[in-house]
């Protein structure tokens, strides 16, 4: 069973969407583990309301890749909307999923 860890940054909407992504992963057979534990997939639901939020989003993405360099690191959320092109060039990020694609998370992971 593949292990997934999720981390939420930001508002209540992000929190709800993170829970929805977790449910999609569980329904697809993923085991949800704490973020600090080794996972096959790390999903960071980012925030971009301030420059500090941008920085925290980048830090969490890099932390995930550092914890398991073989893991798939997924950037999702608002920071993706504002800095998606930069994230696509970031070696710590494997997949970039905009807000309009969060419901397709499992499909996108399977195609990766």
Protein backbone atom coordinates (compact mmCIF):
# COMPACT_ATOMS: atom_id res chain seq x y z
CA UNK A 1 0.00 0.00 0.00
CA UNK A 2 1.37 3.40 -0.96
CA UNK A 3 1.73 5.96 1.81
CA UNK A 4 0.68 9.58 1.44
CA UNK A 5 1.21 12.54 3.73
CA UNK A 6 -0.61 15.83 3.43
CA UNK A 7 0.22 19.25 4.84
CA UNK A 8 -2.08 22.24 4.76
CA UNK A 9 -1.02 25.87 4.76
CA UNK A 10 -3.56 28.65 4.84
CA UNK A 11 -7.24 29.23 5.23
CA UNK A 12 -10.29 27.16 6.08
CA UNK A 13 -10.96 26.56 2.39
CA UNK A 14 -7.51 24.98 2.06
CA UNK A 15 -8.20 22.90 5.15
CA UNK A 16 -11.44 21.59 3.68
CA UNK A 17 -9.76 20.87 0.33
CA UNK A 18 -6.91 19.03 2.05
CA UNK A 19 -9.46 16.83 3.81
CA UNK A 20 -11.18 16.19 0.47
CA UNK A 21 -7.86 15.21 -1.15
CA UNK A 22 -7.13 12.91 1.79
CA UNK A 23 -10.48 11.20 1.29
CA UNK A 24 -9.78 10.73 -2.43
CA UNK A 25 -6.43 9.14 -1.60
CA UNK A 26 -7.93 6.84 1.04
CA UNK A 27 -10.63 5.72 -1.40
CA UNK A 28 -7.88 4.92 -3.92
CA UNK A 29 -6.11 2.70 -1.37
CA UNK A 30 -3.45 5.05 -0.03
CA UNK A 31 -2.45 4.84 3.62
CA UNK A 32 -2.40 8.32 5.14
CA UNK A 33 0.62 8.87 7.40
CA UNK A 34 1.87 11.84 9.44
CA UNK A 35 3.87 14.34 7.41
CA UNK A 36 7.04 13.68 9.42
CA UNK A 37 6.86 9.96 8.64
CA UNK A 38 8.27 8.45 5.47
CA UNK A 39 5.75 8.65 2.64
CA UNK A 40 5.69 7.76 -1.04
CA UNK A 41 3.70 10.89 -1.85
CA UNK A 42 3.76 14.27 -0.11
CA UNK A 43 1.00 16.73 -0.92
CA UNK A 44 1.41 20.30 0.25
CA UNK A 45 -1.69 22.46 -0.12
CA UNK A 46 0.02 25.83 -0.36
CA UNK A 47 -0.97 29.37 0.53
CA UNK A 48 -0.01 32.64 -1.10
CA UNK A 49 -1.79 35.32 0.89
CA UNK A 50 1.52 36.93 1.99
CA UNK A 51 5.21 36.73 1.14
CA UNK A 52 5.69 34.76 4.36
CA UNK A 53 3.06 32.25 3.21
CA UNK A 54 4.89 31.91 -0.11
CA UNK A 55 8.14 31.21 1.73
CA UNK A 56 6.52 28.66 4.07
CA UNK A 57 5.03 26.90 1.06
CA UNK A 58 8.44 26.62 -0.60
CA UNK A 59 10.02 25.45 2.67
CA UNK A 60 7.46 22.66 3.13
CA UNK A 61 7.92 21.46 -0.45
CA UNK A 62 11.69 21.28 0.02
CA UNK A 63 11.33 19.64 3.44
CA UNK A 64 9.20 16.88 1.92
CA UNK A 65 11.75 16.13 -0.80
CA UNK A 66 14.54 16.15 1.78
CA UNK A 67 12.68 13.63 3.98
CA UNK A 68 12.36 11.20 1.07
CA UNK A 69 14.15 12.12 -2.16
CA UNK A 70 12.36 9.26 -3.97
CA UNK A 71 8.90 10.50 -2.96
CA UNK A 72 6.56 12.28 -5.32
CA UNK A 73 6.14 15.84 -4.02
CA UNK A 74 2.93 17.54 -5.09
CA UNK A 75 2.39 21.29 -4.87
CA UNK A 76 -1.28 22.24 -4.82
CA UNK A 77 -3.24 25.33 -3.84
CA UNK A 78 -2.98 29.07 -4.09
CA UNK A 79 0.80 29.38 -4.35
CA UNK A 80 0.58 27.18 -7.43
CA UNK A 81 -1.84 29.66 -8.97
CA UNK A 82 0.59 32.56 -8.50
CA UNK A 83 3.96 30.83 -8.96
CA UNK A 84 3.18 27.69 -10.95
CA UNK A 85 5.82 28.30 -13.61
CA UNK A 86 8.56 28.71 -10.99
CA UNK A 87 7.39 25.59 -9.17
CA UNK A 88 7.55 23.56 -12.38
CA UNK A 89 11.26 24.44 -12.53
CA UNK A 90 11.87 23.59 -8.84
CA UNK A 91 13.71 20.27 -8.49
CA UNK A 92 11.95 19.56 -5.17
CA UNK A 93 8.52 19.57 -6.85
CA UNK A 94 7.40 16.67 -9.02
CA UNK A 95 3.79 17.66 -9.73
CA UNK A 96 2.02 21.01 -9.75
CA UNK A 97 -1.76 20.88 -9.36
CA UNK A 98 -3.84 24.02 -9.63
CA UNK A 99 -6.97 24.61 -7.58
CA UNK A 100 -9.14 23.50 -10.50
CA UNK A 101 -7.43 20.07 -10.66
CA UNK A 102 -7.48 18.99 -7.00
CA UNK A 103 -10.37 16.60 -7.59
CA UNK A 104 -8.22 14.84 -10.21
CA UNK A 105 -5.35 14.23 -7.77
CA UNK A 106 -5.48 10.42 -7.84
CA UNK A 107 -5.71 10.30 -11.64
CA UNK A 108 -2.77 12.70 -11.96
CA UNK A 109 -0.70 10.62 -9.52
CA UNK A 110 -1.51 7.40 -11.39
CA UNK A 111 -0.44 8.97 -14.69
CA UNK A 112 2.83 10.27 -13.23
